[in-house]
C-alpha atoms as a PDB file:
ATOM      1  CA  MET A   1     -27.289   7.099 -14.033  1.00  0.00           C
ATOM      2  CA  ASP A   2     -28.189   3.434 -13.646  1.00  0.00           C
ATOM      3  CA  GLU A   3     -25.988   2.084 -10.807  1.00  0.00           C
ATOM      4  CA  SER A   4     -26.483  -1.163 -11.703  1.00  0.00           C
ATOM      5  CA  LYS A   5     -24.534  -0.715 -15.034  1.00  0.00           C
ATOM      6  CA  ASN A   6     -22.147   1.523 -13.389  1.00  0.00           C
ATOM      7  CA  PRO A   7     -21.692   0.843 -10.112  1.00  0.00           C
ATOM      8  CA  PRO A   8     -19.964   3.732  -7.543  1.00  0.00           C
ATOM      9  CA  GLN A   9     -16.328   2.709  -6.815  1.00  0.00           C
ATOM     10  CA  GLU A  10     -14.904   3.185  -3.317  1.00  0.00           C
ATOM     11  CA  ARG A  11     -11.886   5.601  -3.405  1.00  0.00           C
ATOM     12  CA  GLY A  12     -11.597   6.392   0.026  1.00  0.00           C
ATOM     13  CA  ILE A  13      -9.899   3.307   1.266  1.00  0.00           C
ATOM     14  CA  ASN A  14      -6.896   4.441  -0.848  1.00  0.00           C
ATOM     15  CA  VAL A  15      -6.688   7.442   0.963  1.00  0.00           C
ATOM     16  CA  TRP A  16      -7.136   6.106   3.948  1.00  0.00           C
ATOM     17  CA  LEU A  17      -4.369   3.450   3.832  1.00  0.00           C
ATOM     18  CA  ALA A  18      -1.854   6.061   2.346  1.00  0.00           C
ATOM     19  CA  LEU A  19      -2.622   8.333   5.261  1.00  0.00           C
ATOM     20  CA  GLU A  20      -2.195   5.593   7.715  1.00  0.00           C
ATOM     21  CA  ALA A  21       1.100   4.116   6.070  1.00  0.00           C
ATOM     22  CA  TYR A  22       2.486   7.757   5.888  1.00  0.00           C
ATOM     23  CA  ASP A  23       1.667   8.648   9.679  1.00  0.00           C
ATOM     24  CA  LEU A  24       3.190   5.219  10.683  1.00  0.00           C
ATOM     25  CA  ALA A  25       6.237   6.096   8.414  1.00  0.00           C
ATOM     26  CA  VAL A  26       6.604   9.540   9.857  1.00  0.00           C
ATOM     27  CA  HIS A  27       6.042   8.440  13.980  1.00  0.00           C
ATOM     28  CA  LYS A  28       7.454   4.880  13.737  1.00  0.00           C
ATOM     29  CA  ARG A  29      10.545   5.569  11.505  1.00  0.00           C
ATOM     30  CA  PHE A  30      10.548   2.338   9.833  1.00  0.00           C
ATOM     31  CA  ASP A  31      13.408   1.223   7.650  1.00  0.00           C
ATOM     32  CA  VAL A  32      10.813  -0.459   5.141  1.00  0.00           C
ATOM     33  CA  LEU A  33       7.235  -0.092   4.695  1.00  0.00           C
ATOM     34  CA  ALA A  34       5.640  -3.222   2.700  1.00  0.00           C
ATOM     35  CA  LEU A  35       2.770  -2.013   0.325  1.00  0.00           C
ATOM     36  CA  PHE A  36       0.726  -4.832  -0.853  1.00  0.00           C
ATOM     37  CA  ALA A  37      -1.017  -2.839  -3.922  1.00  0.00           C
ATOM     38  CA  GLY A  38      -0.768  -2.705  -7.532  1.00  0.00           C
ATOM     39  CA  ASP A  39      -2.933   0.721  -8.420  1.00  0.00           C
ATOM     40  CA  GLN A  40      -0.579   3.682  -9.596  1.00  0.00           C
ATOM     41  CA  ASP A  41      -2.424   5.913  -7.378  1.00  0.00           C
ATOM     42  CA  PHE A  42       0.173   4.851  -4.479  1.00  0.00           C
ATOM     43  CA  VAL A  43       2.849   6.354  -6.766  1.00  0.00           C
ATOM     44  CA  PRO A  44       2.882   9.533  -4.580  1.00  0.00           C
ATOM     45  CA  LEU A  45       2.565   7.744  -1.260  1.00  0.00           C
ATOM     46  CA  ILE A  46       5.793   5.821  -2.021  1.00  0.00           C
ATOM     47  CA  ARG A  47       7.536   9.164  -3.236  1.00  0.00           C
ATOM     48  CA  LYS A  48       6.682  10.635   0.191  1.00  0.00           C
ATOM     49  CA  ILE A  49       7.706   7.573   2.255  1.00  0.00           C
ATOM     50  CA  ASN A  50      11.163   7.678   0.128  1.00  0.00           C
ATOM     51  CA  GLY A  51      11.690  11.181   0.883  1.00  0.00           C
ATOM     52  CA  LEU A  52      11.347  10.124   4.591  1.00  0.00           C
ATOM     53  CA  GLY A  53      14.374   7.888   4.177  1.00  0.00           C
ATOM     54  CA  THR A  54      12.073   4.834   4.474  1.00  0.00           C
ATOM     55  CA  ARG A  55      12.402   2.274   1.387  1.00  0.00           C
ATOM     56  CA  VAL A  56       9.144   0.885   0.038  1.00  0.00           C
ATOM     57  CA  LEU A  57       8.797  -2.904  -0.886  1.00  0.00           C
ATOM     58  CA  VAL A  58       6.020  -3.293  -3.014  1.00  0.00           C
ATOM     59  CA  ILE A  59       4.181  -6.920  -3.282  1.00  0.00           C
ATOM     60  CA  GLY A  60       2.407  -7.159  -6.749  1.00  0.00           C
ATOM     61  CA  VAL A  61       0.387  -9.766  -8.303  1.00  0.00           C
ATOM     62  CA  ASP A  62      -0.379 -10.216 -11.753  1.00  0.00           C
ATOM     63  CA  THR A  63      -3.111 -12.959 -12.642  1.00  0.00           C
ATOM     64  CA  GLY A  64      -2.085 -13.177 -16.280  1.00  0.00           C
ATOM     65  CA  ALA A  65      -5.837 -13.263 -17.250  1.00  0.00           C
ATOM     66  CA  SER A  66      -7.284 -10.526 -19.322  1.00  0.00           C
ATOM     67  CA  GLY A  67     -10.725  -9.062 -19.106  1.00  0.00           C
ATOM     68  CA  LYS A  68     -13.147  -7.690 -16.323  1.00  0.00           C
ATOM     69  CA  ASN A  69     -11.053  -9.529 -13.167  1.00  0.00           C
ATOM     70  CA  SER A  70      -7.547  -9.180 -14.425  1.00  0.00           C
ATOM     71  CA  GLN A  71      -4.939  -7.745 -11.805  1.00  0.00           C
ATOM     72  CA  LYS A  72      -1.601  -5.902 -13.127  1.00  0.00           C
ATOM     73  CA  THR A  73       0.776  -4.320 -10.926  1.00  0.00           C
ATOM     74  CA  SER A  74       1.236  -0.739 -12.206  1.00  0.00           C
ATOM     75  CA  SER A  75       5.064  -0.456 -13.699  1.00  0.00           C
ATOM     76  CA  ARG A  76       4.885   3.214 -12.310  1.00  0.00           C
ATOM     77  CA  LEU A  77       4.321   1.860  -9.025  1.00  0.00           C
ATOM     78  CA  ILE A  78       7.108  -1.051  -9.410  1.00  0.00           C
ATOM     79  CA  ASN A  79       9.659   1.688 -10.440  1.00  0.00           C
ATOM     80  CA  GLU A  80       9.129   3.681  -7.415  1.00  0.00           C
ATOM     81  CA  ALA A  81       9.633   1.025  -5.260  1.00  0.00           C
ATOM     82  CA  SER A  82      12.874   0.276  -3.525  1.00  0.00           C
ATOM     83  CA  TYR A  83      12.049  -3.331  -3.735  1.00  0.00           C
ATOM     84  CA  THR A  84       9.401  -5.356  -5.570  1.00  0.00           C
ATOM     85  CA  ILE A  85       8.284  -8.892  -4.767  1.00  0.00           C
ATOM     86  CA  MET A  86       5.751  -9.968  -7.655  1.00  0.00           C
ATOM     87  CA  LEU A  87       3.911 -12.607  -5.545  1.00  0.00           C
ATOM     88  CA  SER A  88       2.635 -14.116  -8.554  1.00  0.00           C
ATOM     89  CA  GLU A  89       5.837 -15.338 -10.016  1.00  0.00           C
ATOM     90  CA  GLU A  90       7.120 -16.423  -6.649  1.00  0.00           C
ATOM     91  CA  ILE A  91       4.194 -18.818  -6.436  1.00  0.00           C
ATOM     92  CA  ASP A  92       4.296 -20.077 -10.235  1.00  0.00           C
ATOM     93  CA  SER A  93       8.523 -20.576 -10.031  1.00  0.00           C
ATOM     94  CA  GLU A  94      10.006 -23.797 -10.486  1.00  0.00           C
ATOM     95  CA  ASN A  95      11.660 -23.348  -6.995  1.00  0.00           C
ATOM     96  CA  SER A  96       8.340 -22.790  -5.210  1.00  0.00           C
ATOM     97  CA  LYS A  97       7.165 -26.157  -6.400  1.00  0.00           C
ATOM     98  CA  GLU A  98       9.486 -28.058  -3.636  1.00  0.00           C
ATOM     99  CA  ASP A  99       8.567 -25.365  -0.953  1.00  0.00           C
ATOM    100  CA  SER A 100       6.177 -27.016   1.281  1.00  0.00           C
ATOM    101  CA  ILE A 101       5.175 -23.940   2.870  1.00  0.00           C
ATOM    102  CA  LEU A 102       4.014 -22.193  -0.356  1.00  0.00           C
ATOM    103  CA  ASN A 103       2.321 -25.766  -1.001  1.00  0.00           C
ATOM    104  CA  GLY A 104       0.624 -25.637   2.076  1.00  0.00           C
ATOM    105  CA  VAL A 105      -0.797 -21.916   1.530  1.00  0.00           C
ATOM    106  CA  PHE A 106      -1.582 -21.779  -2.236  1.00  0.00           C
ATOM    107  CA  HIS A 107      -3.200 -24.528  -4.353  1.00  0.00           C
ATOM    108  CA  LYS A 108      -3.924 -24.659  -7.857  1.00  0.00           C
ATOM    109  CA  LYS A 109      -7.288 -25.024  -9.244  1.00  0.00           C
ATOM    110  CA  VAL A 110      -8.175 -28.123 -10.833  1.00  0.00           C
END
């Protein structure tokens, strides 16, 4: 198999993140766990966290672009979460144009 055409993908970090998040939710008894992810692989984590009585906030980003580098938050992930903030919508909203904090952090490409 030619790895230059199909490079190996890192999957272990998702497992590590899920275990760490679950462990913290169990031992620290958080009210809300914020998960900045878009991959549906985290749906089982959300279900387990919800089962502990901890709510889950998913912070997602949709790039709107199509192709290899596009990003889209899984609808399954959104449906399982207690709360969702779509960061891409917040940044692009009319209200954010007046927000000096957001304008100082995010810059549009020219």
